[in-house]
Amino acid sequence: MPRKPTTYQFDLFSKPNDAKTMQTPRWQALPAETRRSVTKLMVSLILDHVDDERSPGEREARHDA
């Protein structure tokens, strides 16, 4: 007998008002530690993306600072 999954993966392409779709929790409802972790990860991703867009000379200057 197959077991039901205990976790839920958000479907980015589902209809937002679909009754079967689990609602995303509100940001304010998340624990403070979770909000901090997600914020740090997002900042890191953004800075890495910006770093990839720079020329090699600009990247070296940023890491030397």
Protein backbone atom coordinates (compact mmCIF):
# COMPACT_ATOMS: atom_id res chain seq x y z
CA MET A 1 0.00 0.00 0.00
CA PRO A 2 1.61 3.33 -1.04
CA ARG A 3 2.19 5.83 1.67
CA LYS A 4 1.00 9.42 1.47
CA PRO A 5 3.81 11.98 1.37
CA THR A 6 4.22 13.90 4.61
CA THR A 7 5.69 16.98 2.97
CA TYR A 8 4.25 19.28 0.35
CA GLN A 9 6.14 20.83 -2.53
CA PHE A 10 4.69 24.10 -3.77
CA ASP A 11 3.51 24.04 -7.36
CA LEU A 12 4.54 27.34 -8.92
CA PHE A 13 2.23 26.83 -11.88
CA SER A 14 -0.99 25.83 -10.14
CA LYS A 15 -4.08 27.95 -10.06
CA PRO A 16 -3.93 30.14 -6.92
CA ASN A 17 -7.56 29.46 -5.94
CA ASP A 18 -7.43 25.71 -6.55
CA ALA A 19 -8.85 23.96 -3.47
CA LYS A 20 -6.19 21.23 -3.72
CA THR A 21 -3.33 23.74 -3.60
CA MET A 22 -1.78 24.32 -0.19
CA GLN A 23 -1.64 28.01 0.66
CA THR A 24 1.79 29.59 1.11
CA PRO A 25 2.26 30.75 4.71
CA ARG A 26 2.33 34.50 5.30
CA TRP A 27 5.83 35.89 5.83
CA GLN A 28 4.89 37.32 9.24
CA ALA A 29 3.60 33.91 10.35
CA LEU A 30 6.99 32.27 9.83
CA PRO A 31 9.32 31.96 12.84
CA ALA A 32 11.85 34.79 13.15
CA GLU A 33 14.76 32.38 12.68
CA THR A 34 13.26 31.13 9.41
CA ARG A 35 12.73 34.69 8.14
CA ARG A 36 16.36 35.55 9.01
CA SER A 37 17.68 32.45 7.26
CA VAL A 38 15.64 33.05 4.11
CA THR A 39 16.66 36.73 4.05
CA LYS A 40 20.36 35.81 4.35
CA LEU A 41 20.03 33.23 1.58
CA MET A 42 18.24 35.69 -0.73
CA VAL A 43 20.88 38.38 -0.10
CA SER A 44 23.61 35.84 -0.85
CA LEU A 45 21.92 34.78 -4.09
CA ILE A 46 21.46 38.40 -5.21
CA LEU A 47 25.06 39.33 -4.42
CA ASP A 48 26.35 36.22 -6.21
CA HIS A 49 24.25 37.13 -9.22
CA VAL A 50 25.59 40.69 -9.22
CA ASP A 51 29.12 39.33 -8.81
CA ASP A 52 28.65 37.10 -11.87
CA GLU A 53 27.63 40.14 -13.94
CA ARG A 54 30.81 42.07 -13.12
CA SER A 55 34.00 41.97 -15.11
CA PRO A 56 36.93 40.01 -13.58
CA GLY A 57 38.66 43.26 -12.48
CA GLU A 58 35.57 44.47 -10.65
CA ARG A 59 35.19 41.09 -8.89
CA GLU A 60 38.77 41.19 -7.62
CA ALA A 61 38.30 44.73 -6.28
CA ARG A 62 35.20 43.65 -4.33
CA HIS A 63 36.97 40.66 -2.75
CA ASP A 64 40.00 42.74 -1.81
CA ALA A 65 37.90 45.22 0.14
